[in-house]
Amino acid sequence: SRTGVNIAPQTVFELSKIPNIVAIKECNFSQV
């Protein structure tokens, strides 16, 4: 709602493989 861009779940999955990307503050409930 603020950025105009959504981080898709698949992208979160790919980023979660990086050791120090450990969490997400998620404002898009539909994809939790």
ModelCIF file with pLDDT and N, C-alpha, C, O atoms, coordinates in Angstrom:
data_MODEL
#
_entry.id   MODEL 
#
_entity.id                         1 
_entity.type                       polymer 
_entity.pdbx_number_of_molecules   1 
#
_entity_poly.entity_id                      1 
_entity_poly.type                           'polypeptide(L)' 
_entity_poly.nstd_linkage                   no 
_entity_poly.nstd_monomer                   no 
_entity_poly.pdbx_seq_one_letter_code       SRTGVNIAPQTVFELSKIPNIVAIKECNFSQV 
_entity_poly.pdbx_seq_one_letter_code_can   SRTGVNIAPQTVFELSKIPNIVAIKECNFSQV 
_entity_poly.pdbx_strand_id                 A 
#
loop_
_entity_poly_seq.entity_id 
_entity_poly_seq.num 
_entity_poly_seq.mon_id 
_entity_poly_seq.hetero 
1 1  SER n 
1 2  ARG n 
1 3  THR n 
1 4  GLY n 
1 5  VAL n 
1 6  ASN n 
1 7  ILE n 
1 8  ALA n 
1 9  PRO n 
1 10 GLN n 
1 11 THR n 
1 12 VAL n 
1 13 PHE n 
1 14 GLU n 
1 15 LEU n 
1 16 SER n 
1 17 LYS n 
1 18 ILE n 
1 19 PRO n 
1 20 ASN n 
1 21 ILE n 
1 22 VAL n 
1 23 ALA n 
1 24 ILE n 
1 25 LYS n 
1 26 GLU n 
1 27 CYS n 
1 28 ASN n 
1 29 PHE n 
1 30 SER n 
1 31 GLN n 
1 32 VAL n 
#
_struct_asym.id          A 
_struct_asym.entity_id   1 
#
loop_
_ma_qa_metric.id 
_ma_qa_metric.mode 
_ma_qa_metric.name 
_ma_qa_metric.software_group_id 
_ma_qa_metric.type 
1 global pLDDT . pLDDT 
2 local  pLDDT . pLDDT 
#
_ma_qa_metric_global.metric_id      1 
_ma_qa_metric_global.metric_value   97.12 
_ma_qa_metric_global.model_id       1 
_ma_qa_metric_global.ordinal_id     1 
#
loop_
_ma_qa_metric_local.label_asym_id 
_ma_qa_metric_local.label_comp_id 
_ma_qa_metric_local.label_seq_id 
_ma_qa_metric_local.metric_id 
_ma_qa_metric_local.metric_value 
_ma_qa_metric_local.model_id 
_ma_qa_metric_local.ordinal_id 
A SER 1  2 94.00 1 1  
A ARG 2  2 93.00 1 2  
A THR 3  2 95.00 1 3  
A GLY 4  2 95.00 1 4  
A VAL 5  2 96.00 1 5  
A ASN 6  2 97.00 1 6  
A ILE 7  2 98.00 1 7  
A ALA 8  2 98.00 1 8  
A PRO 9  2 98.00 1 9  
A GLN 10 2 98.00 1 10 
A THR 11 2 98.00 1 11 
A VAL 12 2 98.00 1 12 
A PHE 13 2 98.00 1 13 
A GLU 14 2 98.00 1 14 
A LEU 15 2 98.00 1 15 
A SER 16 2 98.00 1 16 
A LYS 17 2 97.00 1 17 
A ILE 18 2 98.00 1 18 
A PRO 19 2 97.00 1 19 
A ASN 20 2 97.00 1 20 
A ILE 21 2 98.00 1 21 
A VAL 22 2 98.00 1 22 
A ALA 23 2 98.00 1 23 
A ILE 24 2 98.00 1 24 
A LYS 25 2 98.00 1 25 
A GLU 26 2 98.00 1 26 
A CYS 27 2 97.00 1 27 
A ASN 28 2 96.00 1 28 
A PHE 29 2 97.00 1 29 
A SER 30 2 96.00 1 30 
A GLN 31 2 97.00 1 31 
A VAL 32 2 98.00 1 32 
#
loop_
_atom_site.group_PDB 
_atom_site.id 
_atom_site.type_symbol 
_atom_site.label_atom_id 
_atom_site.label_alt_id 
_atom_site.label_comp_id 
_atom_site.label_asym_id 
_atom_site.label_entity_id 
_atom_site.label_seq_id 
_atom_site.pdbx_PDB_ins_code 
_atom_site.Cartn_x 
_atom_site.Cartn_y 
_atom_site.Cartn_z 
_atom_site.occupancy 
_atom_site.B_iso_or_equiv 
_atom_site.pdbx_formal_charge 
_atom_site.auth_seq_id 
_atom_site.auth_comp_id 
_atom_site.auth_asym_id 
_atom_site.auth_atom_id 
_atom_site.pdbx_PDB_model_num 
ATOM 1   N N  . SER A 1 1  ? 0.820  -1.212  0.000  1.00 94.00 ? 1  SER A N  1 
ATOM 2   C CA . SER A 1 1  ? 0.000  0.000   0.000  1.00 94.00 ? 1  SER A CA 1 
ATOM 3   C C  . SER A 1 1  ? 0.851  1.257   0.000  1.00 94.00 ? 1  SER A C  1 
ATOM 4   O O  . SER A 1 1  ? 0.395  2.309   -0.448 1.00 94.00 ? 1  SER A O  1 
ATOM 5   N N  . ARG A 1 2  ? 2.078  1.168   0.494  1.00 93.00 ? 2  ARG A N  1 
ATOM 6   C CA . ARG A 1 2  ? 2.978  2.322   0.505  1.00 93.00 ? 2  ARG A CA 1 
ATOM 7   C C  . ARG A 1 2  ? 3.985  2.301   -0.647 1.00 93.00 ? 2  ARG A C  1 
ATOM 8   O O  . ARG A 1 2  ? 4.346  3.351   -1.178 1.00 93.00 ? 2  ARG A O  1 
ATOM 9   N N  . THR A 1 3  ? 4.434  1.112   -1.029 1.00 95.00 ? 3  THR A N  1 
ATOM 10  C CA . THR A 1 3  ? 5.516  1.041   -2.007 1.00 95.00 ? 3  THR A CA 1 
ATOM 11  C C  . THR A 1 3  ? 5.029  0.876   -3.441 1.00 95.00 ? 3  THR A C  1 
ATOM 12  O O  . THR A 1 3  ? 5.740  1.215   -4.386 1.00 95.00 ? 3  THR A O  1 
ATOM 13  N N  . GLY A 1 4  ? 3.813  0.354   -3.601 1.00 95.00 ? 4  GLY A N  1 
ATOM 14  C CA . GLY A 1 4  ? 3.317  0.083   -4.942 1.00 95.00 ? 4  GLY A CA 1 
ATOM 15  C C  . GLY A 1 4  ? 3.867  -1.198  -5.545 1.00 95.00 ? 4  GLY A C  1 
ATOM 16  O O  . GLY A 1 4  ? 3.616  -1.492  -6.713 1.00 95.00 ? 4  GLY A O  1 
ATOM 17  N N  . VAL A 1 5  ? 4.622  -1.970  -4.748 1.00 96.00 ? 5  VAL A N  1 
ATOM 18  C CA . VAL A 1 5  ? 5.229  -3.217  -5.220 1.00 96.00 ? 5  VAL A CA 1 
ATOM 19  C C  . VAL A 1 5  ? 5.039  -4.285  -4.149 1.00 96.00 ? 5  VAL A C  1 
ATOM 20  O O  . VAL A 1 5  ? 5.148  -4.006  -2.955 1.00 96.00 ? 5  VAL A O  1 
ATOM 21  N N  . ASN A 1 6  ? 4.756  -5.504  -4.585 1.00 97.00 ? 6  ASN A N  1 
ATOM 22  C CA . ASN A 1 6  ? 4.571  -6.625  -3.672 1.00 97.00 ? 6  ASN A CA 1 
ATOM 23  C C  . ASN A 1 6  ? 5.701  -7.627  -3.826 1.00 97.00 ? 6  ASN A C  1 
ATOM 24  O O  . ASN A 1 6  ? 6.071  -7.990  -4.942 1.00 97.00 ? 6  ASN A O  1 
ATOM 25  N N  . ILE A 1 7  ? 6.255  -8.078  -2.690 1.00 98.00 ? 7  ILE A N  1 
ATOM 26  C CA . ILE A 1 7  ? 7.234  -9.168  -2.736 1.00 98.00 ? 7  ILE A CA 1 
ATOM 27  C C  . ILE A 1 7  ? 6.447  -10.476 -2.784 1.00 98.00 ? 7  ILE A C  1 
ATOM 28  O O  . ILE A 1 7  ? 5.795  -10.839 -1.805 1.00 98.00 ? 7  ILE A O  1 
ATOM 29  N N  . ALA A 1 8  ? 6.501  -11.171 -3.888 1.00 98.00 ? 8  ALA A N  1 
ATOM 30  C CA . ALA A 1 8  ? 5.719  -12.384 -4.080 1.00 98.00 ? 8  ALA A CA 1 
ATOM 31  C C  . ALA A 1 8  ? 6.230  -13.505 -3.176 1.00 98.00 ? 8  ALA A C  1 
ATOM 32  O O  . ALA A 1 8  ? 7.418  -13.542 -2.856 1.00 98.00 ? 8  ALA A O  1 
ATOM 33  N N  . PRO A 1 9  ? 5.349  -14.420 -2.760 1.00 98.00 ? 9  PRO A N  1 
ATOM 34  C CA . PRO A 1 9  ? 5.780  -15.528 -1.898 1.00 98.00 ? 9  PRO A CA 1 
ATOM 35  C C  . PRO A 1 9  ? 6.959  -16.314 -2.459 1.00 98.00 ? 9  PRO A C  1 
ATOM 36  O O  . PRO A 1 9  ? 7.852  -16.702 -1.705 1.00 98.00 ? 9  PRO A O  1 
ATOM 37  N N  . GLN A 1 10 ? 6.979  -16.555 -3.758 1.00 98.00 ? 10 GLN A N  1 
ATOM 38  C CA . GLN A 1 10 ? 8.094  -17.298 -4.341 1.00 98.00 ? 10 GLN A CA 1 
ATOM 39  C C  . GLN A 1 10 ? 9.404  -16.538 -4.184 1.00 98.00 ? 10 GLN A C  1 
ATOM 40  O O  . GLN A 1 10 ? 10.457 -17.141 -3.976 1.00 98.00 ? 10 GLN A O  1 
ATOM 41  N N  . THR A 1 11 ? 9.338  -15.225 -4.282 1.00 98.00 ? 11 THR A N  1 
ATOM 42  C CA . THR A 1 11 ? 10.537 -14.409 -4.083 1.00 98.00 ? 11 THR A CA 1 
ATOM 43  C C  . THR A 1 11 ? 10.984 -14.459 -2.623 1.00 98.00 ? 11 THR A C  1 
ATOM 44  O O  . THR A 1 11 ? 12.179 -14.537 -2.340 1.00 98.00 ? 11 THR A O  1 
ATOM 45  N N  . VAL A 1 12 ? 10.028 -14.413 -1.701 1.00 98.00 ? 12 VAL A N  1 
ATOM 46  C CA . VAL A 1 12 ? 10.362 -14.559 -0.278 1.00 98.00 ? 12 VAL A CA 1 
ATOM 47  C C  . VAL A 1 12 ? 11.050 -15.901 -0.052 1.00 98.00 ? 12 VAL A C  1 
ATOM 48  O O  . VAL A 1 12 ? 12.039 -15.983 0.676  1.00 98.00 ? 12 VAL A O  1 
ATOM 49  N N  . PHE A 1 13 ? 10.523 -16.951 -0.679 1.00 98.00 ? 13 PHE A N  1 
ATOM 50  C CA . PHE A 1 13 ? 11.117 -18.288 -0.552 1.00 98.00 ? 13 PHE A CA 1 
ATOM 51  C C  . PHE A 1 13 ? 12.566 -18.294 -1.028 1.00 98.00 ? 13 PHE A C  1 
ATOM 52  O O  . PHE A 1 13 ? 13.441 -18.836 -0.354 1.00 98.00 ? 13 PHE A O  1 
ATOM 53  N N  . GLU A 1 14 ? 12.819 -17.693 -2.187 1.00 98.00 ? 14 GLU A N  1 
ATOM 54  C CA . GLU A 1 14 ? 14.192 -17.652 -2.703 1.00 98.00 ? 14 GLU A CA 1 
ATOM 55  C C  . GLU A 1 14 ? 15.103 -16.861 -1.769 1.00 98.00 ? 14 GLU A C  1 
ATOM 56  O O  . GLU A 1 14 ? 16.248 -17.249 -1.537 1.00 98.00 ? 14 GLU A O  1 
ATOM 57  N N  . LEU A 1 15 ? 14.596 -15.754 -1.236 1.00 98.00 ? 15 LEU A N  1 
ATOM 58  C CA . LEU A 1 15 ? 15.407 -14.924 -0.339 1.00 98.00 ? 15 LEU A CA 1 
ATOM 59  C C  . LEU A 1 15 ? 15.635 -15.597 1.007  1.00 98.00 ? 15 LEU A C  1 
ATOM 60  O O  . LEU A 1 15 ? 16.642 -15.338 1.667  1.00 98.00 ? 15 LEU A O  1 
ATOM 61  N N  . SER A 1 16 ? 14.711 -16.460 1.420  1.00 98.00 ? 16 SER A N  1 
ATOM 62  C CA . SER A 1 16 ? 14.854 -17.130 2.711  1.00 98.00 ? 16 SER A CA 1 
ATOM 63  C C  . SER A 1 16 ? 16.022 -18.114 2.727  1.00 98.00 ? 16 SER A C  1 
ATOM 64  O O  . SER A 1 16 ? 16.427 -18.581 3.792  1.00 98.00 ? 16 SER A O  1 
ATOM 65  N N  . LYS A 1 17 ? 16.557 -18.426 1.564  1.00 97.00 ? 17 LYS A N  1 
ATOM 66  C CA . LYS A 1 17 ? 17.729 -19.310 1.485  1.00 97.00 ? 17 LYS A CA 1 
ATOM 67  C C  . LYS A 1 17 ? 19.005 -18.587 1.878  1.00 97.00 ? 17 LYS A C  1 
ATOM 68  O O  . LYS A 1 17 ? 20.026 -19.226 2.135  1.00 97.00 ? 17 LYS A O  1 
ATOM 69  N N  . ILE A 1 18 ? 18.959 -17.253 1.927  1.00 98.00 ? 18 ILE A N  1 
ATOM 70  C CA . ILE A 1 18 ? 20.135 -16.458 2.313  1.00 98.00 ? 18 ILE A CA 1 
ATOM 71  C C  . ILE A 1 18 ? 20.199 -16.428 3.836  1.00 98.00 ? 18 ILE A C  1 
ATOM 72  O O  . ILE A 1 18 ? 19.219 -16.046 4.476  1.00 98.00 ? 18 ILE A O  1 
ATOM 73  N N  . PRO A 1 19 ? 21.317 -16.818 4.432  1.00 97.00 ? 19 PRO A N  1 
ATOM 74  C CA . PRO A 1 19 ? 21.355 -17.044 5.889  1.00 97.00 ? 19 PRO A CA 1 
ATOM 75  C C  . PRO A 1 19 ? 20.905 -15.876 6.754  1.00 97.00 ? 19 PRO A C  1 
ATOM 76  O O  . PRO A 1 19 ? 20.252 -16.089 7.776  1.00 97.00 ? 19 PRO A O  1 
ATOM 77  N N  . ASN A 1 20 ? 21.239 -14.643 6.369  1.00 97.00 ? 20 ASN A N  1 
ATOM 78  C CA . ASN A 1 20 ? 20.892 -13.527 7.259  1.00 97.00 ? 20 ASN A CA 1 
ATOM 79  C C  . ASN A 1 20 ? 19.589 -12.818 6.880  1.00 97.00 ? 20 ASN A C  1 
ATOM 80  O O  . ASN A 1 20 ? 19.251 -11.806 7.494  1.00 97.00 ? 20 ASN A O  1 
ATOM 81  N N  . ILE A 1 21 ? 18.857 -13.317 5.894  1.00 98.00 ? 21 ILE A N  1 
ATOM 82  C CA . ILE A 1 21 ? 17.482 -12.866 5.672  1.00 98.00 ? 21 ILE A CA 1 
ATOM 83  C C  . ILE A 1 21 ? 16.597 -13.820 6.463  1.00 98.00 ? 21 ILE A C  1 
ATOM 84  O O  . ILE A 1 21 ? 16.289 -14.924 6.015  1.00 98.00 ? 21 ILE A O  1 
ATOM 85  N N  . VAL A 1 22 ? 16.195 -13.373 7.645  1.00 98.00 ? 22 VAL A N  1 
ATOM 86  C CA . VAL A 1 22 ? 15.623 -14.293 8.629  1.00 98.00 ? 22 VAL A CA 1 
ATOM 87  C C  . VAL A 1 22 ? 14.145 -14.063 8.899  1.00 98.00 ? 22 VAL A C  1 
ATOM 88  O O  . VAL A 1 22 ? 13.507 -14.890 9.551  1.00 98.00 ? 22 VAL A O  1 
ATOM 89  N N  . ALA A 1 23 ? 13.578 -12.949 8.409  1.00 98.00 ? 23 ALA A N  1 
ATOM 90  C CA . ALA A 1 23 ? 12.190 -12.638 8.768  1.00 98.00 ? 23 ALA A CA 1 
ATOM 91  C C  . ALA A 1 23 ? 11.580 -11.710 7.731  1.00 98.00 ? 23 ALA A C  1 
ATOM 92  O O  . ALA A 1 23 ? 12.276 -11.135 6.894  1.00 98.00 ? 23 ALA A O  1 
ATOM 93  N N  . ILE A 1 24 ? 10.257 -11.581 7.811  1.00 98.00 ? 24 ILE A N  1 
ATOM 94  C CA . ILE A 1 24 ? 9.538  -10.625 6.972  1.00 98.00 ? 24 ILE A CA 1 
ATOM 95  C C  . ILE A 1 24 ? 8.435  -9.976  7.787  1.00 98.00 ? 24 ILE A C  1 
ATOM 96  O O  . ILE A 1 24 ? 7.689  -10.657 8.490  1.00 98.00 ? 24 ILE A O  1 
ATOM 97  N N  . LYS A 1 25 ? 8.334  -8.671  7.690  1.00 98.00 ? 25 LYS A N  1 
ATOM 98  C CA . LYS A 1 25 ? 7.165  -7.943  8.184  1.00 98.00 ? 25 LYS A CA 1 
ATOM 99  C C  . LYS A 1 25 ? 6.197  -7.889  7.014  1.00 98.00 ? 25 LYS A C  1 
ATOM 100 O O  . LYS A 1 25 ? 6.440  -7.204  6.021  1.00 98.00 ? 25 LYS A O  1 
ATOM 101 N N  . GLU A 1 26 ? 5.107  -8.613  7.141  1.00 98.00 ? 26 GLU A N  1 
ATOM 102 C CA . GLU A 1 26 ? 4.188  -8.814  6.012  1.00 98.00 ? 26 GLU A CA 1 
ATOM 103 C C  . GLU A 1 26 ? 2.884  -8.052  6.245  1.00 98.00 ? 26 GLU A C  1 
ATOM 104 O O  . GLU A 1 26 ? 2.200  -8.247  7.250  1.00 98.00 ? 26 GLU A O  1 
ATOM 105 N N  . CYS A 1 27 ? 2.562  -7.181  5.292  1.00 97.00 ? 27 CYS A N  1 
ATOM 106 C CA . CYS A 1 27 ? 1.314  -6.418  5.349  1.00 97.00 ? 27 CYS A CA 1 
ATOM 107 C C  . CYS A 1 27 ? 0.282  -6.903  4.345  1.00 97.00 ? 27 CYS A C  1 
ATOM 108 O O  . CYS A 1 27 ? -0.811 -6.345  4.261  1.00 97.00 ? 27 CYS A O  1 
ATOM 109 N N  . ASN A 1 28 ? 0.615  -7.926  3.591  1.00 96.00 ? 28 ASN A N  1 
ATOM 110 C CA . ASN A 1 28 ? -0.303 -8.504  2.613  1.00 96.00 ? 28 ASN A CA 1 
ATOM 111 C C  . ASN A 1 28 ? -0.784 -9.847  3.146  1.00 96.00 ? 28 ASN A C  1 
ATOM 112 O O  . ASN A 1 28 ? -0.204 -10.895 2.861  1.00 96.00 ? 28 ASN A O  1 
ATOM 113 N N  . PHE A 1 29 ? -1.859 -9.790  3.928  1.00 97.00 ? 29 PHE A N  1 
ATOM 114 C CA . PHE A 1 29 ? -2.335 -10.996 4.626  1.00 97.00 ? 29 PHE A CA 1 
ATOM 115 C C  . PHE A 1 29 ? -2.665 -12.129 3.669  1.00 97.00 ? 29 PHE A C  1 
ATOM 116 O O  . PHE A 1 29 ? -2.520 -13.299 4.024  1.00 97.00 ? 29 PHE A O  1 
ATOM 117 N N  . SER A 1 30 ? -3.107 -11.801 2.465  1.00 96.00 ? 30 SER A N  1 
ATOM 118 C CA . SER A 1 30 ? -3.573 -12.829 1.533  1.00 96.00 ? 30 SER A CA 1 
ATOM 119 C C  . SER A 1 30 ? -2.484 -13.818 1.144  1.00 96.00 ? 30 SER A C  1 
ATOM 120 O O  . SER A 1 30 ? -2.783 -14.901 0.641  1.00 96.00 ? 30 SER A O  1 
ATOM 121 N N  . GLN A 1 31 ? -1.207 -13.454 1.376  1.00 97.00 ? 31 GLN A N  1 
ATOM 122 C CA . GLN A 1 31 ? -0.148 -14.369 0.963  1.00 97.00 ? 31 GLN A CA 1 
ATOM 123 C C  . GLN A 1 31 ? 0.629  -14.969 2.134  1.00 97.00 ? 31 GLN A C  1 
ATOM 124 O O  . GLN A 1 31 ? 1.633  -15.651 1.928  1.00 97.00 ? 31 GLN A O  1 
ATOM 125 N N  . VAL A 1 32 ? 0.173  -14.719 3.355  1.00 98.00 ? 32 VAL A N  1 
ATOM 126 C CA . VAL A 1 32 ? 0.891  -15.229 4.521  1.00 98.00 ? 32 VAL A CA 1 
ATOM 127 C C  . VAL A 1 32 ? 0.928  -16.758 4.534  1.00 98.00 ? 32 VAL A C  1 
ATOM 128 O O  . VAL A 1 32 ? 1.495  -17.355 5.449  1.00 98.00 ? 32 VAL A O  1 
#
